[in-house]
Amino acid sequence: MRLDVQKYNQIAVLGLQGEFTREAVKAFEDAISSLLAESEITGIVLDMSKTVFFDSAALEALLELNDRCRDRLRQLKLAGLDDICRKILEITRLLGQFDTYDELSEAVKSFA
């Protein structure tokens, strides 16, 4: 999986490309830790428009990130889930745990 970070004022956008699996969780967690260490970052958007699949380890990492953001009074939003990824969240009954948006621009604007 490839990770790409962009910042829009106080919002960090982390783009995930490819399969988000156990092998990619460490790199994901490292990127997130760096973002959460920056005091000016108030929200994180995961751009998942190029994520084709995620496994149970990735789901655990997403839930952990959601908790870490809440503990630090920051918001996490998911953008661009494809049908497969959305279905995985629905089947596991985790979709309601996340703020989701069809488009990245909608997710970033929602912080305003």
C-alpha atoms as a PDB file:
ATOM      1  CA  MET A   1       0.000   0.000   0.000  1.00  0.00           C
ATOM      2  CA  ARG A   2       1.160   3.507  -0.746  1.00  0.00           C
ATOM      3  CA  LEU A   3       0.546   6.414   1.659  1.00  0.00           C
ATOM      4  CA  ASP A   4       0.434  10.066   0.654  1.00  0.00           C
ATOM      5  CA  VAL A   5       0.033  12.971   3.100  1.00  0.00           C
ATOM      6  CA  GLN A   6      -1.288  16.411   2.199  1.00  0.00           C
ATOM      7  CA  LYS A   7      -2.246  19.237   4.520  1.00  0.00           C
ATOM      8  CA  TYR A   8      -4.990  21.802   4.085  1.00  0.00           C
ATOM      9  CA  ASN A   9      -4.570  24.334   6.883  1.00  0.00           C
ATOM     10  CA  GLN A  10      -5.301  22.314  10.035  1.00  0.00           C
ATOM     11  CA  ILE A  11      -6.638  19.254   8.190  1.00  0.00           C
ATOM     12  CA  ALA A  12      -4.385  16.366   7.196  1.00  0.00           C
ATOM     13  CA  VAL A  13      -5.403  14.142   4.302  1.00  0.00           C
ATOM     14  CA  LEU A  14      -3.846  10.710   4.230  1.00  0.00           C
ATOM     15  CA  GLY A  15      -4.324   8.976   0.898  1.00  0.00           C
ATOM     16  CA  LEU A  16      -4.246   5.186   0.966  1.00  0.00           C
ATOM     17  CA  GLN A  17      -3.620   3.412  -2.326  1.00  0.00           C
ATOM     18  CA  GLY A  18      -3.889  -0.321  -2.904  1.00  0.00           C
ATOM     19  CA  GLU A  19      -4.728  -3.064  -0.423  1.00  0.00           C
ATOM     20  CA  PHE A  20      -4.751  -2.027   3.218  1.00  0.00           C
ATOM     21  CA  THR A  21      -3.637  -5.223   4.933  1.00  0.00           C
ATOM     22  CA  ARG A  22      -1.686  -6.397   7.961  1.00  0.00           C
ATOM     23  CA  GLU A  23       1.582  -5.736   6.102  1.00  0.00           C
ATOM     24  CA  ALA A  24       0.700  -2.040   5.709  1.00  0.00           C
ATOM     25  CA  VAL A  25      -0.587  -1.380   9.236  1.00  0.00           C
ATOM     26  CA  LYS A  26       2.830  -0.435  10.691  1.00  0.00           C
ATOM     27  CA  ALA A  27       3.475   2.191   7.989  1.00  0.00           C
ATOM     28  CA  PHE A  28      -0.082   3.495   8.472  1.00  0.00           C
ATOM     29  CA  GLU A  29       0.347   3.750  12.248  1.00  0.00           C
ATOM     30  CA  ASP A  30       3.696   5.524  11.843  1.00  0.00           C
ATOM     31  CA  ALA A  31       2.158   8.093   9.470  1.00  0.00           C
ATOM     32  CA  ILE A  32      -0.759   8.650  11.841  1.00  0.00           C
ATOM     33  CA  SER A  33       1.512   9.049  14.873  1.00  0.00           C
ATOM     34  CA  SER A  34       3.442  11.748  13.031  1.00  0.00           C
ATOM     35  CA  LEU A  35       0.231  13.581  12.164  1.00  0.00           C
ATOM     36  CA  LEU A  36      -1.186  13.349  15.684  1.00  0.00           C
ATOM     37  CA  ALA A  37       2.085  14.712  17.088  1.00  0.00           C
ATOM     38  CA  GLU A  38       1.516  17.947  15.172  1.00  0.00           C
ATOM     39  CA  SER A  39      -0.467  20.187  17.503  1.00  0.00           C
ATOM     40  CA  GLU A  40      -1.952  22.292  14.699  1.00  0.00           C
ATOM     41  CA  ILE A  41      -3.693  19.292  13.081  1.00  0.00           C
ATOM     42  CA  THR A  42      -7.321  19.261  14.224  1.00  0.00           C
ATOM     43  CA  GLY A  43      -8.699  16.667  11.835  1.00  0.00           C
ATOM     44  CA  ILE A  44      -7.697  13.774   9.638  1.00  0.00           C
ATOM     45  CA  VAL A  45      -9.350  12.613   6.443  1.00  0.00           C
ATOM     46  CA  LEU A  46      -8.486   9.201   5.088  1.00  0.00           C
ATOM     47  CA  ASP A  47      -8.827   9.360   1.310  1.00  0.00           C
ATOM     48  CA  MET A  48      -9.754   5.783   0.507  1.00  0.00           C
ATOM     49  CA  SER A  49     -10.784   6.369  -3.099  1.00  0.00           C
ATOM     50  CA  LYS A  50      -7.827   4.263  -4.263  1.00  0.00           C
ATOM     51  CA  THR A  51      -8.100   1.627  -1.540  1.00  0.00           C
ATOM     52  CA  VAL A  52      -9.365  -1.593  -3.074  1.00  0.00           C
ATOM     53  CA  PHE A  53      -9.576  -3.803   0.015  1.00  0.00           C
ATOM     54  CA  PHE A  54      -8.811  -3.911   3.718  1.00  0.00           C
ATOM     55  CA  ASP A  55      -8.524  -6.829   6.104  1.00  0.00           C
ATOM     56  CA  SER A  56      -9.271  -7.322   9.807  1.00  0.00           C
ATOM     57  CA  ALA A  57      -5.892  -5.890  10.870  1.00  0.00           C
ATOM     58  CA  ALA A  58      -6.647  -2.731   8.904  1.00  0.00           C
ATOM     59  CA  LEU A  59     -10.107  -2.537  10.493  1.00  0.00           C
ATOM     60  CA  GLU A  60      -8.498  -2.718  13.918  1.00  0.00           C
ATOM     61  CA  ALA A  61      -6.079   0.054  12.930  1.00  0.00           C
ATOM     62  CA  LEU A  62      -8.975   2.233  11.739  1.00  0.00           C
ATOM     63  CA  LEU A  63     -10.882   1.716  14.984  1.00  0.00           C
ATOM     64  CA  GLU A  64      -7.754   2.465  17.012  1.00  0.00           C
ATOM     65  CA  LEU A  65      -7.188   5.643  15.017  1.00  0.00           C
ATOM     66  CA  ASN A  66     -10.786   6.698  15.571  1.00  0.00           C
ATOM     67  CA  ASP A  67     -10.320   6.255  19.339  1.00  0.00           C
ATOM     68  CA  ARG A  68      -6.978   8.089  19.321  1.00  0.00           C
ATOM     69  CA  CYS A  69      -8.526  11.024  17.469  1.00  0.00           C
ATOM     70  CA  ARG A  70     -11.418  11.238  19.926  1.00  0.00           C
ATOM     71  CA  ASP A  71      -9.024  11.054  22.896  1.00  0.00           C
ATOM     72  CA  ARG A  72      -7.084  14.001  21.456  1.00  0.00           C
ATOM     73  CA  LEU A  73     -10.230  15.993  20.575  1.00  0.00           C
ATOM     74  CA  ARG A  74      -9.644  15.551  16.852  1.00  0.00           C
ATOM     75  CA  GLN A  75     -11.968  14.290  14.171  1.00  0.00           C
ATOM     76  CA  LEU A  76     -11.485  11.434  11.732  1.00  0.00           C
ATOM     77  CA  LYS A  77     -13.394  11.171   8.469  1.00  0.00           C
ATOM     78  CA  LEU A  78     -13.291   8.593   5.686  1.00  0.00           C
ATOM     79  CA  ALA A  79     -13.728   9.673   2.079  1.00  0.00           C
ATOM     80  CA  GLY A  80     -14.194   7.836  -1.197  1.00  0.00           C
ATOM     81  CA  LEU A  81     -14.977   4.336   0.018  1.00  0.00           C
ATOM     82  CA  ASP A  82     -15.592   2.033  -2.939  1.00  0.00           C
ATOM     83  CA  ASP A  83     -18.418  -0.504  -2.885  1.00  0.00           C
ATOM     84  CA  ILE A  84     -16.233  -3.339  -1.566  1.00  0.00           C
ATOM     85  CA  CYS A  85     -14.747  -1.330   1.303  1.00  0.00           C
ATOM     86  CA  ARG A  86     -18.134   0.117   2.223  1.00  0.00           C
ATOM     87  CA  LYS A  87     -19.624  -3.394   2.215  1.00  0.00           C
ATOM     88  CA  ILE A  88     -16.843  -4.647   4.526  1.00  0.00           C
ATOM     89  CA  LEU A  89     -17.697  -1.885   7.001  1.00  0.00           C
ATOM     90  CA  GLU A  90     -21.416  -2.659   6.687  1.00  0.00           C
ATOM     91  CA  ILE A  91     -20.994  -6.416   7.181  1.00  0.00           C
ATOM     92  CA  THR A  92     -18.827  -5.875  10.255  1.00  0.00           C
ATOM     93  CA  ARG A  93     -21.341  -3.308  11.525  1.00  0.00           C
ATOM     94  CA  LEU A  94     -18.589  -0.711  11.776  1.00  0.00           C
ATOM     95  CA  LEU A  95     -19.802   1.768   9.163  1.00  0.00           C
ATOM     96  CA  GLY A  96     -21.671   3.774  11.798  1.00  0.00           C
ATOM     97  CA  GLN A  97     -18.454   4.223  13.785  1.00  0.00           C
ATOM     98  CA  PHE A  98     -17.053   6.567  11.141  1.00  0.00           C
ATOM     99  CA  ASP A  99     -18.046   9.809   9.462  1.00  0.00           C
ATOM    100  CA  THR A 100     -17.997   8.891   5.771  1.00  0.00           C
ATOM    101  CA  TYR A 101     -18.164  11.037   2.640  1.00  0.00           C
ATOM    102  CA  ASP A 102     -18.405  10.094  -1.001  1.00  0.00           C
ATOM    103  CA  GLU A 103     -15.928  12.758  -2.091  1.00  0.00           C
ATOM    104  CA  LEU A 104     -12.678  13.968  -0.541  1.00  0.00           C
ATOM    105  CA  SER A 105     -13.673  17.601  -1.050  1.00  0.00           C
ATOM    106  CA  GLU A 106     -16.888  17.045   0.956  1.00  0.00           C
ATOM    107  CA  ALA A 107     -14.942  15.537   3.843  1.00  0.00           C
ATOM    108  CA  VAL A 108     -12.417  18.401   3.946  1.00  0.00           C
ATOM    109  CA  LYS A 109     -15.166  21.051   3.706  1.00  0.00           C
ATOM    110  CA  SER A 110     -17.090  19.392   6.548  1.00  0.00           C
ATOM    111  CA  PHE A 111     -14.479  20.677   9.006  1.00  0.00           C
ATOM    112  CA  ALA A 112     -15.391  24.303   8.261  1.00  0.00           C
END
